[in-house]
């Protein structure tokens, strides 16, 4: 069973009276900065001058600066930049300004685990990864609660890296809900697998396949959209609240029987074999190498695939139908 830390086991004292630098003021960056400040920690924000995030940090009462200035005398440096940007910025702006005894903090293990960032041995390397988007990390904190986090220590140069990481987790509200101990390897590989096979890749591919099957069989695309896309939220919300059992308890017997008898025909031995293949690509570093190469090569494949899906029938029909449903507060990009 996983080890879970709560507030008593994760005191914030290791960061009291010390400075924390947050590099990047995006989704996670803004939440960590605000929550740590509200927890009594001195926070310095590093962000590019003139950007929307720079202006947002100013609006929130920070005085954002460049990375070098933010890092000066910081006990903990939290890097919340996109995975694909971290290695270059680390090499050019963070590494030259690192001091022995400082702690590098990450919200995802990608660059450390696959060694695109290799910190010197005299600094700590830790992780606090909230299991929710930044806006939820912030809103739950403001309510007096918190989003569960996971904690990992990759490098313990000072002997108290775990205490520092747990103090960070407490400061952002995670210890109110629980902080689960893991490793950089486990967090990175399971996170990538979940995204690719279930949460993003698997789900979107399933939705598109279902929608296209109905449309190709002559059914109206608007009806197919509701059945294969719109109602996904209804089912996911039930599972989010009470797992598969609560979802099955809440739906009709007809739907439940179809779930239990037809679902296994969709996810077959061939599907599971492909899942194992994808996991092997992740654990071997093949996917990481492919993604970093794609980014460095100008994102041509990425952009072409994105454009293709953006203009597909499922999406064009959806944009029209979402205008009919004011309560969902449609977000079109």
Protein backbone atom coordinates (compact mmCIF):
# COMPACT_ATOMS: atom_id res chain seq x y z
CA UNK A 1 0.00 0.00 0.00
CA UNK A 2 1.15 3.52 -0.78
CA UNK A 3 2.41 5.75 2.03
CA UNK A 4 0.21 8.81 2.49
CA UNK A 5 1.21 11.98 4.35
CA UNK A 6 -1.20 14.45 5.94
CA UNK A 7 -0.61 17.82 7.60
CA UNK A 8 0.86 16.41 10.82
CA UNK A 9 3.38 14.35 8.85
CA UNK A 10 4.16 17.19 6.42
CA UNK A 11 4.86 20.34 8.45
CA UNK A 12 5.47 23.50 6.49
CA UNK A 13 8.28 24.61 8.83
CA UNK A 14 11.16 23.60 6.47
CA UNK A 15 10.06 26.46 4.17
CA UNK A 16 9.13 29.01 6.82
CA UNK A 17 11.25 32.13 6.58
CA UNK A 18 12.70 30.97 3.28
CA UNK A 19 12.17 32.04 -0.31
CA UNK A 20 10.54 29.90 -3.00
CA UNK A 21 10.96 30.72 -6.69
CA UNK A 22 8.26 29.64 -9.14
CA UNK A 23 9.40 29.54 -12.76
CA UNK A 24 6.33 30.02 -14.96
CA UNK A 25 2.97 31.51 -14.02
CA UNK A 26 0.66 29.26 -16.02
CA UNK A 27 -1.94 26.75 -14.81
CA UNK A 28 0.13 25.10 -12.06
CA UNK A 29 2.50 28.02 -11.56
CA UNK A 30 -0.15 30.51 -10.53
CA UNK A 31 -1.78 28.05 -8.13
CA UNK A 32 1.47 27.09 -6.41
CA UNK A 33 2.54 30.73 -6.14
CA UNK A 34 -0.73 31.96 -4.64
CA UNK A 35 -1.23 29.01 -2.30
CA UNK A 36 2.33 29.13 -0.96
CA UNK A 37 2.07 32.88 -0.41
CA UNK A 38 -1.22 32.44 1.42
CA UNK A 39 0.49 29.77 3.53
CA UNK A 40 3.01 32.35 4.74
CA UNK A 41 5.88 31.56 2.35
CA UNK A 42 7.84 34.25 0.51
CA UNK A 43 7.35 33.63 -3.23
CA UNK A 44 9.26 35.07 -6.20
CA UNK A 45 7.77 34.56 -9.66
CA UNK A 46 9.82 34.25 -12.85
CA UNK A 47 7.95 35.00 -16.06
CA UNK A 48 8.63 36.54 -19.46
CA UNK A 49 8.03 40.28 -19.42
CA UNK A 50 5.03 41.48 -21.41
CA UNK A 51 3.29 38.11 -21.64
CA UNK A 52 -0.25 37.48 -20.46
CA UNK A 53 1.07 35.40 -17.57
CA UNK A 54 3.47 38.20 -16.58
CA UNK A 55 0.56 40.62 -16.41
CA UNK A 56 -1.55 38.12 -14.49
CA UNK A 57 1.20 37.69 -11.90
CA UNK A 58 1.32 41.46 -11.50
CA UNK A 59 -2.46 41.55 -11.11
CA UNK A 60 -2.15 38.96 -8.34
CA UNK A 61 0.29 41.17 -6.45
CA UNK A 62 3.62 39.63 -7.48
CA UNK A 63 6.59 41.43 -9.00
CA UNK A 64 7.66 38.94 -11.68
CA UNK A 65 11.28 39.01 -12.77
CA UNK A 66 13.72 37.02 -14.85
CA UNK A 67 14.76 33.54 -13.71
CA UNK A 68 18.17 34.55 -12.35
CA UNK A 69 16.73 37.17 -10.02
CA UNK A 70 13.89 34.91 -8.85
CA UNK A 71 16.38 32.13 -8.03
CA UNK A 72 18.67 34.28 -5.88
CA UNK A 73 18.72 32.89 -2.33
CA UNK A 74 15.73 30.63 -3.06
CA UNK A 75 15.59 27.46 -0.98
CA UNK A 76 13.19 25.83 -3.45
CA UNK A 77 12.91 26.48 -7.20
CA UNK A 78 9.68 25.12 -8.67
CA UNK A 79 9.68 24.61 -12.44
CA UNK A 80 6.15 24.64 -13.89
CA UNK A 81 7.03 25.19 -17.56
CA UNK A 82 5.76 22.89 -20.35
CA UNK A 83 7.76 19.65 -20.58
CA UNK A 84 9.11 20.40 -24.04
CA UNK A 85 10.52 23.80 -22.98
CA UNK A 86 12.11 22.82 -19.69
CA UNK A 87 15.43 21.34 -20.84
CA UNK A 88 16.44 24.36 -22.94
CA UNK A 89 15.48 26.89 -20.28
CA UNK A 90 17.14 24.83 -17.56
CA UNK A 91 20.42 24.58 -19.49
CA UNK A 92 20.54 28.27 -20.42
CA UNK A 93 18.98 30.06 -17.46
CA UNK A 94 18.57 27.79 -14.44
CA UNK A 95 21.70 25.62 -14.35
CA UNK A 96 24.16 28.58 -14.48
CA UNK A 97 22.47 30.12 -11.44
CA UNK A 98 22.02 26.99 -9.30
CA UNK A 99 23.77 26.91 -5.93
CA UNK A 100 24.72 23.90 -3.84
CA UNK A 101 22.02 23.03 -1.32
CA UNK A 102 19.13 24.46 -3.31
CA UNK A 103 16.14 22.27 -4.16
CA UNK A 104 14.75 21.86 -7.66
CA UNK A 105 11.03 21.07 -7.70
CA UNK A 106 9.02 19.65 -10.58
CA UNK A 107 5.29 18.94 -11.05
CA UNK A 108 5.97 16.12 -13.53
CA UNK A 109 8.97 13.82 -13.86
CA UNK A 110 9.41 13.75 -17.65
CA UNK A 111 12.68 15.66 -18.01
CA UNK A 112 14.37 14.24 -14.93
CA UNK A 113 13.35 10.63 -15.51
CA UNK A 114 14.38 10.61 -19.17
CA UNK A 115 17.52 12.64 -18.35
CA UNK A 116 16.85 15.64 -20.56
CA UNK A 117 17.69 17.56 -17.38
CA UNK A 118 20.58 16.23 -15.28
CA UNK A 119 21.02 18.43 -12.17
CA UNK A 120 24.34 18.58 -10.30
CA UNK A 121 24.70 16.17 -7.38
CA UNK A 122 24.82 18.95 -4.77
CA UNK A 123 21.14 20.00 -5.19
CA UNK A 124 17.95 18.25 -4.15
CA UNK A 125 15.50 17.11 -6.83
CA UNK A 126 11.91 16.62 -5.68
CA UNK A 127 8.38 16.53 -7.04
CA UNK A 128 4.95 17.60 -5.90
CA UNK A 129 2.33 16.76 -8.51
CA UNK A 130 -1.25 17.77 -7.67
CA UNK A 131 -3.79 15.38 -9.17
CA UNK A 132 -5.83 18.17 -10.69
CA UNK A 133 -5.45 21.29 -12.86
CA UNK A 134 -4.12 24.52 -11.41
CA UNK A 135 -7.48 26.25 -11.14
CA UNK A 136 -8.76 23.37 -8.98
CA UNK A 137 -5.61 23.43 -6.82
CA UNK A 138 -6.30 27.11 -6.18
CA UNK A 139 -10.08 26.96 -5.69
CA UNK A 140 -9.95 23.99 -3.30
CA UNK A 141 -7.25 25.72 -1.25
CA UNK A 142 -9.41 28.85 -1.00
CA UNK A 143 -12.29 26.71 0.29
CA UNK A 144 -10.07 25.36 3.05
CA UNK A 145 -9.45 22.03 1.37
CA UNK A 146 -6.89 20.70 -1.05
CA UNK A 147 -6.23 18.51 -4.07
CA UNK A 148 -4.39 15.22 -3.37
CA UNK A 149 -0.76 15.31 -4.47
CA UNK A 150 2.00 12.82 -5.10
CA UNK A 151 5.52 13.32 -3.77
CA UNK A 152 8.85 11.94 -4.99
CA UNK A 153 12.50 12.51 -4.23
CA UNK A 154 15.02 11.80 -6.98
CA UNK A 155 18.06 13.38 -5.36
CA UNK A 156 18.62 14.01 -1.63
CA UNK A 157 21.76 16.15 -1.47
CA UNK A 158 21.01 17.88 1.83
CA UNK A 159 19.46 14.96 3.71
CA UNK A 160 16.11 16.69 4.17
CA UNK A 161 14.75 16.69 0.60
CA UNK A 162 11.58 14.79 1.56
CA UNK A 163 10.81 17.26 4.35
CA UNK A 164 11.18 20.15 1.91
CA UNK A 165 8.97 18.44 -0.66
CA UNK A 166 6.27 17.68 1.92
CA UNK A 167 6.38 21.28 3.16
CA UNK A 168 5.78 22.40 -0.43
CA UNK A 169 2.90 19.93 -0.72
CA UNK A 170 1.42 21.22 2.53
CA UNK A 171 1.83 24.81 1.37
CA UNK A 172 -0.25 24.25 -1.75
CA UNK A 173 -2.98 22.43 0.20
CA UNK A 174 -2.13 18.87 -0.76
CA UNK A 175 -1.56 17.63 2.79
CA UNK A 176 -5.15 18.57 3.68
CA UNK A 177 -6.32 15.83 1.32
CA UNK A 178 -3.27 13.55 1.38
CA UNK A 179 0.13 13.32 -0.30
CA UNK A 180 0.97 9.90 -1.77
CA UNK A 181 4.62 8.83 -1.98
CA UNK A 182 5.92 7.59 -5.33
CA UNK A 183 9.04 7.74 -7.50
CA UNK A 184 9.94 9.82 -10.54
CA UNK A 185 9.86 6.65 -12.64
CA UNK A 186 6.40 5.58 -11.47
CA UNK A 187 4.86 9.04 -11.77
CA UNK A 188 6.28 9.71 -15.23
CA UNK A 189 5.51 6.37 -16.81
CA UNK A 190 2.00 5.99 -15.37
CA UNK A 191 1.12 9.59 -16.22
CA UNK A 192 2.16 9.19 -19.86
CA UNK A 193 0.43 5.81 -20.12
CA UNK A 194 -2.83 7.15 -18.64
CA UNK A 195 -2.84 10.12 -21.02
CA UNK A 196 -2.11 8.08 -24.12
CA UNK A 197 -4.14 4.94 -23.53
CA UNK A 198 -7.16 6.11 -21.53
CA UNK A 199 -7.66 9.76 -20.66
CA UNK A 200 -6.79 11.48 -23.93
CA UNK A 201 -5.65 9.15 -26.70
CA UNK A 202 -7.93 6.22 -25.89
CA UNK A 203 -10.98 8.33 -25.12
CA UNK A 204 -10.81 10.62 -28.14
CA UNK A 205 -10.15 7.67 -30.48
CA UNK A 206 -13.14 5.79 -29.04
CA UNK A 207 -15.43 8.81 -29.37
CA UNK A 208 -14.37 9.46 -32.96
CA UNK A 209 -14.77 5.80 -33.91
CA UNK A 210 -18.24 5.59 -32.37
CA UNK A 211 -19.39 8.85 -33.97
CA UNK A 212 -18.06 7.87 -37.41
CA UNK A 213 -19.65 4.41 -37.21
CA UNK A 214 -23.10 5.91 -36.63
CA UNK A 215 -22.73 8.63 -39.29
CA UNK A 216 -21.44 6.17 -41.89
CA UNK A 217 -24.45 3.96 -41.12
CA UNK A 218 -26.76 6.85 -42.06
CA UNK A 219 -27.64 8.33 -38.67
CA UNK A 220 -27.79 12.10 -38.24
CA UNK A 221 -24.44 13.53 -37.04
CA UNK A 222 -26.22 15.68 -34.45
CA UNK A 223 -27.76 12.59 -32.82
CA UNK A 224 -24.47 10.71 -33.06
CA UNK A 225 -22.70 13.63 -31.35
CA UNK A 226 -25.04 13.54 -28.36
CA UNK A 227 -24.70 9.77 -27.95
CA UNK A 228 -20.94 9.46 -28.46
CA UNK A 229 -19.52 12.79 -27.23
CA UNK A 230 -21.89 14.92 -25.18
CA UNK A 231 -23.07 12.20 -22.81
CA UNK A 232 -19.53 11.05 -21.97
CA UNK A 233 -19.48 13.69 -19.23
CA UNK A 234 -22.59 12.26 -17.62
CA UNK A 235 -20.99 8.84 -17.29
CA UNK A 236 -17.53 10.10 -16.31
CA UNK A 237 -19.02 12.31 -13.57
CA UNK A 238 -20.74 9.28 -12.04
CA UNK A 239 -17.50 7.27 -12.08
CA UNK A 240 -15.59 10.29 -10.71
CA UNK A 241 -17.94 10.34 -7.73
CA UNK A 242 -18.27 6.65 -6.97
CA UNK A 243 -16.34 4.46 -9.38
CA UNK A 244 -17.78 2.01 -11.87
CA UNK A 245 -20.18 0.57 -9.29
CA UNK A 246 -21.91 3.90 -8.69
CA UNK A 247 -22.12 4.57 -12.43
CA UNK A 248 -23.74 1.17 -13.01
CA UNK A 249 -26.08 1.73 -10.08
CA UNK A 250 -27.18 5.04 -11.63
CA UNK A 251 -27.84 3.97 -15.23
CA UNK A 252 -30.63 1.81 -16.61
CA UNK A 253 -30.48 -1.98 -16.45
CA UNK A 254 -30.43 -2.00 -20.25
CA UNK A 255 -27.37 0.25 -20.32
CA UNK A 256 -25.67 -1.74 -17.58
CA UNK A 257 -26.21 -5.05 -19.38
CA UNK A 258 -24.84 -3.55 -22.60
CA UNK A 259 -21.84 -2.24 -20.63
CA UNK A 260 -21.05 -5.60 -19.04
CA UNK A 261 -21.52 -7.72 -22.16
CA UNK A 262 -20.37 -5.46 -25.03
CA UNK A 263 -17.55 -3.48 -23.43
CA UNK A 264 -15.16 -6.47 -23.45
CA UNK A 265 -15.79 -6.82 -27.20
CA UNK A 266 -14.40 -3.30 -27.75
CA UNK A 267 -11.32 -3.66 -25.56
CA UNK A 268 -10.01 -6.98 -26.86
CA UNK A 269 -6.80 -8.96 -26.45
CA UNK A 270 -5.50 -7.07 -29.49
CA UNK A 271 -6.26 -3.75 -27.74
CA UNK A 272 -4.52 -4.90 -24.57
CA UNK A 273 -1.50 -6.00 -26.60
CA UNK A 274 -1.31 -2.52 -28.11
CA UNK A 275 -1.53 -1.02 -24.61
CA UNK A 276 1.49 -3.09 -23.57
CA UNK A 277 3.32 -1.95 -26.69
CA UNK A 278 2.62 1.70 -25.84
CA UNK A 279 3.79 1.15 -22.26
CA UNK A 280 7.02 -0.37 -23.60
CA UNK A 281 7.53 2.70 -25.81
CA UNK A 282 7.14 4.88 -22.72
CA UNK A 283 9.40 2.90 -20.39
CA UNK A 284 12.15 2.53 -23.00
CA UNK A 285 12.23 6.29 -23.61
CA UNK A 286 11.15 5.85 -27.23
CA UNK A 287 8.09 8.09 -26.84
CA UNK A 288 10.09 10.77 -25.00
CA UNK A 289 12.70 10.79 -27.76
CA UNK A 290 9.98 10.99 -30.41
CA UNK A 291 8.22 13.89 -28.65
CA UNK A 292 11.40 15.88 -28.03
CA UNK A 293 12.39 15.33 -31.67
CA UNK A 294 8.96 16.50 -32.82
CA UNK A 295 9.28 19.69 -30.76
CA UNK A 296 12.79 20.42 -32.01
CA UNK A 297 11.70 19.71 -35.59
CA UNK A 298 9.04 22.43 -35.56
CA UNK A 299 5.98 20.36 -34.55
CA UNK A 300 5.00 19.58 -38.15
CA UNK A 301 3.36 16.21 -37.44
CA UNK A 302 1.77 17.57 -34.25
CA UNK A 303 0.23 20.55 -36.04
CA UNK A 304 -1.00 18.48 -39.00
CA UNK A 305 -2.74 15.95 -36.76
CA UNK A 306 -4.23 18.72 -34.61
CA UNK A 307 -5.56 20.56 -37.68
CA UNK A 308 -7.08 17.36 -39.08
CA UNK A 309 -9.05 16.67 -35.90
CA UNK A 310 -9.96 20.33 -35.41
CA UNK A 311 -11.76 20.33 -38.75
CA UNK A 312 -13.32 16.85 -38.56
CA UNK A 313 -17.11 16.42 -38.69
CA UNK A 314 -17.39 15.51 -35.01
CA UNK A 315 -15.86 18.85 -34.04
CA UNK A 316 -17.74 21.01 -36.56
CA UNK A 317 -21.08 19.48 -35.51
CA UNK A 318 -20.14 19.88 -31.87
CA UNK A 319 -19.41 23.58 -32.20
CA UNK A 320 -22.87 24.11 -33.63
CA UNK A 321 -24.65 22.05 -30.96
CA UNK A 322 -22.76 23.57 -28.02
CA UNK A 323 -24.22 26.96 -28.94
CA UNK A 324 -27.62 25.49 -28.09
CA UNK A 325 -26.53 24.58 -24.55
CA UNK A 326 -25.80 27.81 -22.70
CA UNK A 327 -25.39 26.00 -19.37
CA UNK A 328 -22.19 24.26 -20.40
CA UNK A 329 -20.33 27.56 -20.95
CA UNK A 330 -18.76 26.30 -24.19
CA UNK A 331 -15.05 26.95 -24.60
CA UNK A 332 -14.16 27.23 -28.27
CA UNK A 333 -10.54 27.65 -29.36
